[in-house]
Amino acid sequence: MLWLVIAIALVSIGLMIKGGGWYFKDDRSTDYAPTKRKGLYYIVVGASLMMGLAFWNEFVYKKSHSALEREEKRIATICTDVVKAYNKSKDDIELTMTDMKLVQFPFLPKASSKAIGECQFAIQATVDATLRTGGTHSKTYDARVEFDRSTETWHLRELNWLD
């Protein structure tokens, strides 16, 4: 890609130099007028190529790099966000509690929840569950949650009930 940009820049500079040589030649005869006009066209085409290259660089090439950088930052933020991992794991954890009628999760996980590796989290929380037979029971769990970068999905890898 860089070679193409350099080639276009060199061609545009060559066109402007050649056109400038024809256009700025001090010859006012009517026979030279078409050559002088041709020189002006060369200058305009070379300058247009150079301006097009500058706009492409600023508004297409740099934007695509900044979009990639933004996406990398977004993924890096997800891979360190314990609260997001906690929120994404609640549904999977609730599905394992088949003997419960109602499950209430706290607003935030315990402070001991943390990111333990590349997009992997150790989540600890205590849920209040209402049994189908009646009565309320608090259960604490330790879960391993992982974010898959390629599919952008969350997976509950391990769930241990602590009480």
C-alpha atoms as a PDB file:
ATOM      1  CA  MET A   1       0.000   0.000   0.000  1.00  0.00           C
ATOM      2  CA  LEU A   2       2.817   2.365   0.846  1.00  0.00           C
ATOM      3  CA  TRP A   3       4.441   1.800  -2.557  1.00  0.00           C
ATOM      4  CA  LEU A   4       1.216   2.741  -4.312  1.00  0.00           C
ATOM      5  CA  VAL A   5       0.952   5.959  -2.303  1.00  0.00           C
ATOM      6  CA  ILE A   6       4.580   6.834  -3.060  1.00  0.00           C
ATOM      7  CA  ALA A   7       4.080   6.091  -6.771  1.00  0.00           C
ATOM      8  CA  ILE A   8       0.976   8.310  -6.951  1.00  0.00           C
ATOM      9  CA  ALA A   9       2.799  11.106  -5.114  1.00  0.00           C
ATOM     10  CA  LEU A  10       5.794  10.877  -7.475  1.00  0.00           C
ATOM     11  CA  VAL A  11       3.551  10.861 -10.558  1.00  0.00           C
ATOM     12  CA  SER A  12       1.670  13.921  -9.302  1.00  0.00           C
ATOM     13  CA  ILE A  13       4.937  15.765  -8.575  1.00  0.00           C
ATOM     14  CA  GLY A  14       6.263  14.791 -12.034  1.00  0.00           C
ATOM     15  CA  LEU A  15       3.084  16.060 -13.696  1.00  0.00           C
ATOM     16  CA  MET A  16       3.301  19.378 -11.853  1.00  0.00           C
ATOM     17  CA  ILE A  17       6.999  19.844 -12.729  1.00  0.00           C
ATOM     18  CA  LYS A  18       6.476  18.952 -16.408  1.00  0.00           C
ATOM     19  CA  GLY A  19       3.361  21.147 -16.633  1.00  0.00           C
ATOM     20  CA  GLY A  20       5.143  23.997 -14.883  1.00  0.00           C
ATOM     21  CA  GLY A  21       7.971  23.793 -17.408  1.00  0.00           C
ATOM     22  CA  TRP A  22       5.510  24.198 -20.269  1.00  0.00           C
ATOM     23  CA  TYR A  23       3.211  26.720 -18.608  1.00  0.00           C
ATOM     24  CA  PHE A  24       5.832  29.088 -17.210  1.00  0.00           C
ATOM     25  CA  LYS A  25       8.047  29.140 -20.329  1.00  0.00           C
ATOM     26  CA  ASP A  26       8.379  32.730 -21.499  1.00  0.00           C
ATOM     27  CA  ASP A  27       6.949  32.322 -24.994  1.00  0.00           C
ATOM     28  CA  ARG A  28       3.937  34.444 -25.940  1.00  0.00           C
ATOM     29  CA  SER A  29       3.488  33.228 -29.513  1.00  0.00           C
ATOM     30  CA  THR A  30       0.147  31.859 -30.661  1.00  0.00           C
ATOM     31  CA  ASP A  31       1.814  28.641 -31.780  1.00  0.00           C
ATOM     32  CA  TYR A  32       2.886  27.925 -28.182  1.00  0.00           C
ATOM     33  CA  ALA A  33      -0.585  28.601 -26.645  1.00  0.00           C
ATOM     34  CA  PRO A  34      -1.812  24.953 -26.906  1.00  0.00           C
ATOM     35  CA  THR A  35       1.375  23.753 -25.199  1.00  0.00           C
ATOM     36  CA  LYS A  36       0.934  26.361 -22.482  1.00  0.00           C
ATOM     37  CA  ARG A  37      -2.670  25.182 -21.936  1.00  0.00           C
ATOM     38  CA  LYS A  38      -1.448  21.556 -21.830  1.00  0.00           C
ATOM     39  CA  GLY A  39       1.050  22.598 -19.139  1.00  0.00           C
ATOM     40  CA  LEU A  40      -1.774  24.111 -17.094  1.00  0.00           C
ATOM     41  CA  TYR A  41      -3.754  20.866 -17.399  1.00  0.00           C
ATOM     42  CA  TYR A  42      -0.735  18.871 -16.199  1.00  0.00           C
ATOM     43  CA  ILE A  43      -0.363  21.167 -13.181  1.00  0.00           C
ATOM     44  CA  VAL A  44      -4.085  20.854 -12.348  1.00  0.00           C
ATOM     45  CA  VAL A  45      -4.077  17.058 -12.708  1.00  0.00           C
ATOM     46  CA  GLY A  46      -0.913  16.699 -10.599  1.00  0.00           C
ATOM     47  CA  ALA A  47      -2.266  18.995  -7.893  1.00  0.00           C
ATOM     48  CA  SER A  48      -5.603  17.147  -7.923  1.00  0.00           C
ATOM     49  CA  LEU A  49      -3.833  13.813  -7.473  1.00  0.00           C
ATOM     50  CA  MET A  50      -1.790  15.241  -4.602  1.00  0.00           C
ATOM     51  CA  MET A  51      -4.895  16.711  -2.904  1.00  0.00           C
ATOM     52  CA  GLY A  52      -6.795  13.458  -3.407  1.00  0.00           C
ATOM     53  CA  LEU A  53      -3.931  11.571  -1.819  1.00  0.00           C
ATOM     54  CA  ALA A  54      -3.895  13.981   1.126  1.00  0.00           C
ATOM     55  CA  PHE A  55      -7.649  13.642   1.673  1.00  0.00           C
ATOM     56  CA  TRP A  56      -7.505   9.860   1.344  1.00  0.00           C
ATOM     57  CA  ASN A  57      -4.727   9.761   3.941  1.00  0.00           C
ATOM     58  CA  GLU A  58      -6.602  11.977   6.385  1.00  0.00           C
ATOM     59  CA  PHE A  59     -10.168  10.754   6.032  1.00  0.00           C
ATOM     60  CA  VAL A  60      -9.885   7.111   4.970  1.00  0.00           C
ATOM     61  CA  TYR A  61      -6.525   5.662   6.004  1.00  0.00           C
ATOM     62  CA  LYS A  62      -6.255   7.326   9.425  1.00  0.00           C
ATOM     63  CA  LYS A  63      -9.935   6.721  10.209  1.00  0.00           C
ATOM     64  CA  SER A  64      -9.563   2.995   9.612  1.00  0.00           C
ATOM     65  CA  HIS A  65      -6.587   2.870  11.987  1.00  0.00           C
ATOM     66  CA  SER A  66      -8.404   4.866  14.636  1.00  0.00           C
ATOM     67  CA  ALA A  67     -11.415   2.530  14.292  1.00  0.00           C
ATOM     68  CA  LEU A  68      -9.141  -0.466  14.900  1.00  0.00           C
ATOM     69  CA  GLU A  69      -7.594   1.241  17.911  1.00  0.00           C
ATOM     70  CA  ARG A  70     -11.066   2.043  19.301  1.00  0.00           C
ATOM     71  CA  GLU A  71     -12.126  -1.578  18.867  1.00  0.00           C
ATOM     72  CA  GLU A  72      -8.985  -2.815  20.634  1.00  0.00           C
ATOM     73  CA  LYS A  73      -9.609  -0.403  23.511  1.00  0.00           C
ATOM     74  CA  ARG A  74     -13.243  -1.528  23.737  1.00  0.00           C
ATOM     75  CA  ILE A  75     -12.225  -5.198  23.945  1.00  0.00           C
ATOM     76  CA  ALA A  76      -9.486  -4.381  26.482  1.00  0.00           C
ATOM     77  CA  THR A  77     -12.049  -2.563  28.618  1.00  0.00           C
ATOM     78  CA  ILE A  78     -14.419  -5.530  28.470  1.00  0.00           C
ATOM     79  CA  CYS A  79     -11.587  -7.875  29.463  1.00  0.00           C
ATOM     80  CA  THR A  80     -11.036  -5.974  32.721  1.00  0.00           C
ATOM     81  CA  ASP A  81     -14.652  -5.118  33.629  1.00  0.00           C
ATOM     82  CA  VAL A  82     -15.616  -7.369  36.547  1.00  0.00           C
ATOM     83  CA  VAL A  83     -19.106  -5.884  36.892  1.00  0.00           C
ATOM     84  CA  LYS A  84     -19.891  -6.601  33.237  1.00  0.00           C
ATOM     85  CA  ALA A  85     -18.694 -10.191  33.681  1.00  0.00           C
ATOM     86  CA  TYR A  86     -20.866 -10.490  36.790  1.00  0.00           C
ATOM     87  CA  ASN A  87     -23.935  -9.147  34.974  1.00  0.00           C
ATOM     88  CA  LYS A  88     -23.388 -11.429  31.976  1.00  0.00           C
ATOM     89  CA  SER A  89     -23.025 -14.517  34.200  1.00  0.00           C
ATOM     90  CA  LYS A  90     -26.247 -14.015  36.209  1.00  0.00           C
ATOM     91  CA  ASP A  91     -28.543 -15.730  33.689  1.00  0.00           C
ATOM     92  CA  ASP A  92     -26.361 -18.844  33.469  1.00  0.00           C
ATOM     93  CA  ILE A  93     -26.117 -19.077  37.240  1.00  0.00           C
ATOM     94  CA  GLU A  94     -29.869 -18.658  37.648  1.00  0.00           C
ATOM     95  CA  LEU A  95     -30.434 -21.546  35.210  1.00  0.00           C
ATOM     96  CA  THR A  96     -28.476 -23.876  37.515  1.00  0.00           C
ATOM     97  CA  MET A  97     -30.810 -23.069  40.422  1.00  0.00           C
ATOM     98  CA  THR A  98     -33.710 -25.254  39.276  1.00  0.00           C
ATOM     99  CA  ASP A  99     -35.156 -25.837  42.768  1.00  0.00           C
ATOM    100  CA  MET A 100     -35.605 -22.117  43.374  1.00  0.00           C
ATOM    101  CA  LYS A 101     -38.732 -20.121  42.575  1.00  0.00           C
ATOM    102  CA  LEU A 102     -37.181 -16.671  42.759  1.00  0.00           C
ATOM    103  CA  VAL A 103     -33.521 -15.705  42.671  1.00  0.00           C
ATOM    104  CA  GLN A 104     -32.328 -12.207  43.553  1.00  0.00           C
ATOM    105  CA  PHE A 105     -28.794 -11.139  42.804  1.00  0.00           C
ATOM    106  CA  PRO A 106     -27.064  -8.265  44.571  1.00  0.00           C
ATOM    107  CA  PHE A 107     -26.429  -5.084  42.598  1.00  0.00           C
ATOM    108  CA  LEU A 108     -22.642  -5.679  42.638  1.00  0.00           C
ATOM    109  CA  PRO A 109     -20.527  -8.790  43.214  1.00  0.00           C
ATOM    110  CA  LYS A 110     -18.329  -9.184  46.257  1.00  0.00           C
ATOM    111  CA  ALA A 111     -15.164  -7.083  46.404  1.00  0.00           C
ATOM    112  CA  SER A 112     -13.081 -10.258  46.098  1.00  0.00           C
ATOM    113  CA  SER A 113     -14.291 -10.678  42.489  1.00  0.00           C
ATOM    114  CA  LYS A 114     -11.496  -9.924  40.056  1.00  0.00           C
ATOM    115  CA  ALA A 115     -10.060 -10.376  36.590  1.00  0.00           C
ATOM    116  CA  ILE A 116      -7.719 -13.356  36.752  1.00  0.00           C
ATOM    117  CA  GLY A 117      -6.275 -13.484  33.254  1.00  0.00           C
ATOM    118  CA  GLU A 118      -6.829 -12.702  29.623  1.00  0.00           C
ATOM    119  CA  CYS A 119     -10.584 -11.985  29.590  1.00  0.00           C
ATOM    120  CA  GLN A 120     -11.172 -14.373  32.500  1.00  0.00           C
ATOM    121  CA  PHE A 121     -12.852 -13.485  35.758  1.00  0.00           C
ATOM    122  CA  ALA A 122     -13.401 -14.944  39.212  1.00  0.00           C
ATOM    123  CA  ILE A 123     -16.825 -13.792  40.383  1.00  0.00           C
ATOM    124  CA  GLN A 124     -18.110 -14.202  43.924  1.00  0.00           C
ATOM    125  CA  ALA A 125     -21.541 -13.175  45.093  1.00  0.00           C
ATOM    126  CA  THR A 126     -24.304 -14.164  47.447  1.00  0.00           C
ATOM    127  CA  VAL A 127     -27.794 -14.644  46.037  1.00  0.00           C
ATOM    128  CA  ASP A 128     -31.063 -14.674  47.927  1.00  0.00           C
ATOM    129  CA  ALA A 129     -33.247 -17.504  46.654  1.00  0.00           C
ATOM    130  CA  THR A 130     -36.825 -18.391  47.494  1.00  0.00           C
ATOM    131  CA  LEU A 131     -37.401 -22.129  47.520  1.00  0.00           C
ATOM    132  CA  ARG A 132     -40.415 -23.613  45.723  1.00  0.00           C
ATOM    133  CA  THR A 133     -41.511 -25.157  49.007  1.00  0.00           C
ATOM    134  CA  GLY A 134     -41.263 -21.789  50.747  1.00  0.00           C
ATOM    135  CA  GLY A 135     -38.588 -20.074  52.783  1.00  0.00           C
ATOM    136  CA  THR A 136     -35.627 -17.977  51.811  1.00  0.00           C
ATOM    137  CA  HIS A 137     -32.084 -19.193  51.504  1.00  0.00           C
ATOM    138  CA  SER A 138     -28.849 -17.296  50.843  1.00  0.00           C
ATOM    139  CA  LYS A 139     -26.313 -19.056  48.675  1.00  0.00           C
ATOM    140  CA  THR A 140     -22.767 -17.902  47.944  1.00  0.00           C
ATOM    141  CA  TYR A 141     -21.037 -18.950  44.764  1.00  0.00           C
ATOM    142  CA  ASP A 142     -17.647 -18.701  43.123  1.00  0.00           C
ATOM    143  CA  ALA A 143     -17.789 -18.652  39.318  1.00  0.00           C
ATOM    144  CA  ARG A 144     -15.210 -18.576  36.558  1.00  0.00           C
ATOM    145  CA  VAL A 145     -16.425 -16.501  33.627  1.00  0.00           C
ATOM    146  CA  GLU A 146     -14.648 -16.036  30.309  1.00  0.00           C
ATOM    147  CA  PHE A 147     -15.144 -13.610  27.431  1.00  0.00           C
ATOM    148  CA  ASP A 148     -14.425 -15.013  23.965  1.00  0.00           C
ATOM    149  CA  ARG A 149     -12.909 -12.213  21.860  1.00  0.00           C
ATOM    150  CA  SER A 150     -13.540 -13.869  18.507  1.00  0.00           C
ATOM    151  CA  THR A 151     -17.289 -14.354  18.969  1.00  0.00           C
ATOM    152  CA  GLU A 152     -17.764 -11.662  21.632  1.00  0.00           C
ATOM    153  CA  THR A 153     -19.714 -14.031  23.872  1.00  0.00           C
ATOM    154  CA  TRP A 154     -19.569 -14.772  27.577  1.00  0.00           C
ATOM    155  CA  HIS A 155     -19.162 -18.297  28.939  1.00  0.00           C
ATOM    156  CA  LEU A 156     -19.618 -19.630  32.447  1.00  0.00           C
ATOM    157  CA  ARG A 157     -16.705 -22.073  32.725  1.00  0.00           C
ATOM    158  CA  GLU A 158     -17.005 -23.188  36.353  1.00  0.00           C
ATOM    159  CA  LEU A 159     -19.496 -22.728  39.174  1.00  0.00           C
ATOM    160  CA  ASN A 160     -18.865 -23.710  42.798  1.00  0.00           C
ATOM    161  CA  TRP A 161     -21.442 -23.225  45.539  1.00  0.00           C
ATOM    162  CA  LEU A 162     -19.654 -22.321  48.740  1.00  0.00           C
ATOM    163  CA  ASP A 163     -22.478 -23.054  51.195  1.00  0.00           C
END
